[in-house]
């Protein structure tokens, strides 16, 4: 058992368990909903927390909620992109439009002075893969691929004369070359 003091009022009790972590995978830009089913005795007057932890980063509080109150989102997690619903023994956190930064572990917790409940899900995102090749005078010089989010930038590093034409041909993985 490891005891960790959290600023202000809470004592979090972590149990070391060997368990598989659920994984949710969605297409980049699509919505995703995390569902937290709370034990019946946990839903009462206790505060509910949702956290996010990116790989190699500390856990960050997204939102806290107490029955009969408005959810309080942390400034770095916009409530215009996130939605929290709590009904009886179920809490649902929805990301309305996923971005690459959303990938990571999402934790749901109900904590008080003497006990608590904790669960988590790892979010992975599928991006659109684009295959491109650089062509000069009809000769393919380089082939590469990368993931496209909302936009991408290609920087030319080759040396060429201003009069030479360079074409960049791209197609999505669904298209044929």
Foldseek 3Di string as FASTA:
>chain_A
DDWDDDPDFFIADDDDDDDDAAEDEEAAFAKDKDKDFADQVLQAFWKKWKWWDAVPGDIGTAWIDGPPDDIDGDPVHDVVQWDWDDDRRMIMIMGHTHHQVRFGKMKMKTTHHPYIDIGIYGYDYDFWKKWKFKDWPRDTDDIDIDGAHPHDDDDDDDDDDPVTDMDMDMDTPVDDD
